[in-house]
Amino acid sequence: MKLPKDQFLSTVRVGDKGQIVIPKEVRDLFEIEPGDSLLLMADKKKGIAIVGFDGMVDFMDESIRQARKAQQEQKGEQK
């Protein structure tokens, strides 16, 4: 199966200490460097996702900003 160049499919093995190795192709694709922080999210039904921490912080900041704006607008409508 041929995947688009912005996608990657592979298996990884869990080591004795519970560690996995992120394949080089994926590290290159997402520009992951040694020392970078990644956010691991897990849901028993949906599985495990690993995302770049910096991007997640930006996403959360924007989500909070929009939620506060919506609250302020809602309070303004109630007056």
N, C-alpha and C. Protein backbone atom coordinates (compact mmCIF):
# COMPACT_ATOMS: atom_id res chain seq x y z
N MET A 1 0.85 -1.17 0.00
CA MET A 1 0.00 0.00 0.00
C MET A 1 0.90 1.24 0.00
N LYS A 2 0.66 2.14 -0.92
CA LYS A 2 1.43 3.38 -1.03
C LYS A 2 0.68 4.50 -0.34
N LEU A 3 1.33 5.15 0.63
CA LEU A 3 0.72 6.25 1.37
C LEU A 3 1.23 7.58 0.83
N PRO A 4 0.42 8.63 0.97
CA PRO A 4 0.91 9.97 0.60
C PRO A 4 2.15 10.32 1.41
N LYS A 5 2.97 11.25 0.90
CA LYS A 5 4.23 11.55 1.57
C LYS A 5 4.07 12.19 2.94
N ASP A 6 2.87 12.70 3.27
CA ASP A 6 2.66 13.30 4.58
C ASP A 6 2.02 12.32 5.57
N GLN A 7 2.05 11.03 5.22
CA GLN A 7 1.51 10.00 6.10
C GLN A 7 2.53 8.88 6.26
N PHE A 8 2.43 8.13 7.37
CA PHE A 8 3.38 7.05 7.63
C PHE A 8 2.66 5.97 8.42
N LEU A 9 2.95 4.74 8.12
CA LEU A 9 2.35 3.61 8.81
C LEU A 9 3.45 2.63 9.17
N SER A 10 3.49 2.23 10.42
CA SER A 10 4.53 1.32 10.88
C SER A 10 4.09 0.67 12.18
N THR A 11 4.77 -0.39 12.55
CA THR A 11 4.59 -0.96 13.88
C THR A 11 5.81 -0.58 14.71
N VAL A 12 5.60 -0.50 16.01
CA VAL A 12 6.71 -0.26 16.93
C VAL A 12 6.62 -1.30 18.04
N ARG A 13 7.75 -1.61 18.63
CA ARG A 13 7.78 -2.60 19.69
C ARG A 13 8.00 -1.89 21.03
N VAL A 14 7.28 -2.33 22.03
CA VAL A 14 7.43 -1.78 23.37
C VAL A 14 8.57 -2.53 24.05
N GLY A 15 9.56 -1.78 24.54
CA GLY A 15 10.72 -2.37 25.20
C GLY A 15 10.43 -2.76 26.64
N ASP A 16 11.42 -3.33 27.28
CA ASP A 16 11.30 -3.79 28.67
C ASP A 16 10.88 -2.68 29.63
N LYS A 17 11.29 -1.45 29.36
CA LYS A 17 10.98 -0.32 30.23
C LYS A 17 9.73 0.43 29.78
N GLY A 18 8.99 -0.15 28.85
CA GLY A 18 7.76 0.49 28.37
C GLY A 18 8.01 1.56 27.33
N GLN A 19 9.21 1.63 26.80
CA GLN A 19 9.55 2.66 25.82
C GLN A 19 9.29 2.18 24.40
N ILE A 20 8.98 3.15 23.53
CA ILE A 20 8.88 2.86 22.10
C ILE A 20 9.84 3.80 21.37
N VAL A 21 10.25 3.40 20.20
CA VAL A 21 11.09 4.24 19.36
C VAL A 21 10.20 4.83 18.27
N ILE A 22 10.25 6.15 18.14
CA ILE A 22 9.53 6.81 17.05
C ILE A 22 10.41 6.68 15.81
N PRO A 23 9.89 6.05 14.75
CA PRO A 23 10.72 5.85 13.55
C PRO A 23 11.28 7.16 13.01
N LYS A 24 12.49 7.09 12.45
CA LYS A 24 13.17 8.27 11.92
C LYS A 24 12.31 9.01 10.91
N GLU A 25 11.61 8.27 10.07
CA GLU A 25 10.77 8.92 9.05
C GLU A 25 9.70 9.80 9.70
N VAL A 26 9.16 9.34 10.83
CA VAL A 26 8.13 10.11 11.54
C VAL A 26 8.76 11.31 12.24
N ARG A 27 9.93 11.09 12.86
CA ARG A 27 10.63 12.22 13.50
C ARG A 27 10.95 13.29 12.47
N ASP A 28 11.38 12.88 11.29
CA ASP A 28 11.67 13.84 10.22
C ASP A 28 10.40 14.54 9.74
N LEU A 29 9.33 13.75 9.56
CA LEU A 29 8.06 14.29 9.07
C LEU A 29 7.52 15.37 10.01
N PHE A 30 7.64 15.15 11.32
CA PHE A 30 7.11 16.09 12.31
C PHE A 30 8.18 16.96 12.94
N GLU A 31 9.39 16.89 12.41
CA GLU A 31 10.51 17.70 12.88
C GLU A 31 10.71 17.55 14.40
N ILE A 32 10.68 16.30 14.86
CA ILE A 32 10.88 15.99 16.28
C ILE A 32 12.38 15.84 16.52
N GLU A 33 12.87 16.62 17.47
CA GLU A 33 14.30 16.63 17.80
C GLU A 33 14.50 16.08 19.21
N PRO A 34 15.71 15.57 19.50
CA PRO A 34 15.99 15.14 20.87
C PRO A 34 15.73 16.28 21.86
N GLY A 35 15.08 15.96 22.96
CA GLY A 35 14.75 16.96 23.97
C GLY A 35 13.39 17.61 23.79
N ASP A 36 12.74 17.42 22.63
CA ASP A 36 11.39 17.96 22.41
C ASP A 36 10.41 17.30 23.38
N SER A 37 9.39 18.04 23.77
CA SER A 37 8.32 17.49 24.60
C SER A 37 7.15 17.10 23.72
N LEU A 38 6.60 15.94 23.98
CA LEU A 38 5.41 15.47 23.29
C LEU A 38 4.33 15.21 24.32
N LEU A 39 3.09 15.38 23.92
CA LEU A 39 1.96 15.14 24.80
C LEU A 39 1.33 13.81 24.43
N LEU A 40 1.24 12.90 25.39
CA LEU A 40 0.62 11.60 25.16
C LEU A 40 -0.79 11.65 25.74
N MET A 41 -1.77 11.35 24.92
CA MET A 41 -3.16 11.31 25.35
C MET A 41 -3.66 9.88 25.18
N ALA A 42 -4.37 9.39 26.17
CA ALA A 42 -4.86 8.02 26.10
C ALA A 42 -6.32 7.95 26.52
N ASP A 43 -7.07 7.16 25.80
CA ASP A 43 -8.48 6.91 26.08
C ASP A 43 -8.69 5.42 25.88
N LYS A 44 -9.21 4.75 26.89
CA LYS A 44 -9.36 3.29 26.85
C LYS A 44 -10.12 2.82 25.60
N LYS A 45 -11.11 3.58 25.16
CA LYS A 45 -11.91 3.18 24.00
C LYS A 45 -11.33 3.66 22.67
N LYS A 46 -10.70 4.84 22.67
CA LYS A 46 -10.24 5.43 21.42
C LYS A 46 -8.78 5.16 21.09
N GLY A 47 -7.97 4.83 22.11
CA GLY A 47 -6.58 4.52 21.85
C GLY A 47 -5.63 5.58 22.38
N ILE A 48 -4.43 5.59 21.81
CA ILE A 48 -3.35 6.47 22.25
C ILE A 48 -2.98 7.40 21.11
N ALA A 49 -2.74 8.67 21.45
CA ALA A 49 -2.27 9.65 20.47
C ALA A 49 -1.09 10.39 21.08
N ILE A 50 -0.11 10.69 20.25
CA ILE A 50 1.05 11.48 20.68
C ILE A 50 1.09 12.71 19.78
N VAL A 51 1.07 13.87 20.40
CA VAL A 51 1.08 15.12 19.63
C VAL A 51 2.19 16.03 20.13
N GLY A 52 2.59 16.94 19.27
CA GLY A 52 3.60 17.92 19.67
C GLY A 52 3.06 18.79 20.79
N PHE A 53 3.80 18.92 21.85
CA PHE A 53 3.35 19.67 23.02
C PHE A 53 3.20 21.15 22.69
N ASP A 54 4.15 21.73 21.96
CA ASP A 54 4.08 23.16 21.65
C ASP A 54 2.81 23.51 20.89
N GLY A 55 2.48 22.71 19.90
CA GLY A 55 1.26 22.96 19.14
C GLY A 55 0.01 22.81 20.00
N MET A 56 0.04 21.88 20.94
CA MET A 56 -1.10 21.66 21.82
C MET A 56 -1.29 22.85 22.75
N VAL A 57 -0.20 23.42 23.24
CA VAL A 57 -0.29 24.59 24.11
C VAL A 57 -0.94 25.74 23.35
N ASP A 58 -0.52 25.97 22.12
CA ASP A 58 -1.12 27.03 21.30
C ASP A 58 -2.61 26.77 21.09
N PHE A 59 -2.96 25.51 20.80
CA PHE A 59 -4.35 25.13 20.59
C PHE A 59 -5.18 25.38 21.86
N MET A 60 -4.64 24.98 23.00
CA MET A 60 -5.36 25.17 24.27
C MET A 60 -5.53 26.66 24.58
N ASP A 61 -4.48 27.46 24.36
CA ASP A 61 -4.57 28.90 24.60
C ASP A 61 -5.68 29.52 23.75
N GLU A 62 -5.71 29.15 22.49
CA GLU A 62 -6.74 29.70 21.59
C GLU A 62 -8.13 29.22 22.00
N SER A 63 -8.25 27.96 22.40
CA SER A 63 -9.54 27.42 22.84
C SER A 63 -10.04 28.18 24.07
N ILE A 64 -9.16 28.43 25.02
CA ILE A 64 -9.54 29.17 26.23
C ILE A 64 -9.94 30.59 25.88
N ARG A 65 -9.18 31.22 24.99
CA ARG A 65 -9.50 32.60 24.58
C ARG A 65 -10.89 32.66 23.95
N GLN A 66 -11.19 31.73 23.07
CA GLN A 66 -12.49 31.71 22.41
C GLN A 66 -13.61 31.40 23.39
N ALA A 67 -13.36 30.52 24.35
CA ALA A 67 -14.38 30.19 25.35
C ALA A 67 -14.68 31.41 26.21
N ARG A 68 -13.65 32.15 26.60
CA ARG A 68 -13.86 33.36 27.41
C ARG A 68 -14.63 34.41 26.63
N LYS A 69 -14.28 34.55 25.37
CA LYS A 69 -14.97 35.52 24.51
C LYS A 69 -16.45 35.16 24.39
N ALA A 70 -16.73 33.87 24.21
CA ALA A 70 -18.12 33.41 24.10
C ALA A 70 -18.88 33.65 25.40
N GLN A 71 -18.21 33.44 26.54
CA GLN A 71 -18.85 33.71 27.85
C GLN A 71 -19.17 35.19 27.99
N GLN A 72 -18.24 36.06 27.60
CA GLN A 72 -18.47 37.49 27.71
C GLN A 72 -19.62 37.93 26.81
N GLU A 73 -19.67 37.38 25.60
CA GLU A 73 -20.76 37.72 24.68
C GLU A 73 -22.10 37.23 25.23
N GLN A 74 -22.08 36.06 25.84
CA GLN A 74 -23.30 35.50 26.40
C GLN A 74 -23.78 36.35 27.57
N LYS A 75 -22.86 36.80 28.41
CA LYS A 75 -23.21 37.67 29.53
C LYS A 75 -23.77 38.99 29.02
N GLY A 76 -23.21 39.52 27.94
CA GLY A 76 -23.70 40.76 27.35
C GLY A 76 -25.11 40.64 26.82
N GLU A 77 -25.45 39.47 26.28
CA GLU A 77 -26.80 39.22 25.76
C GLU A 77 -27.82 39.08 26.88
N GLN A 78 -27.39 38.63 28.05
CA GLN A 78 -28.31 38.40 29.15
C GLN A 78 -28.67 39.70 29.88
N LYS A 79 -27.93 40.77 29.68
CA LYS A 79 -28.20 42.03 30.35
C LYS A 79 -29.34 42.76 29.74
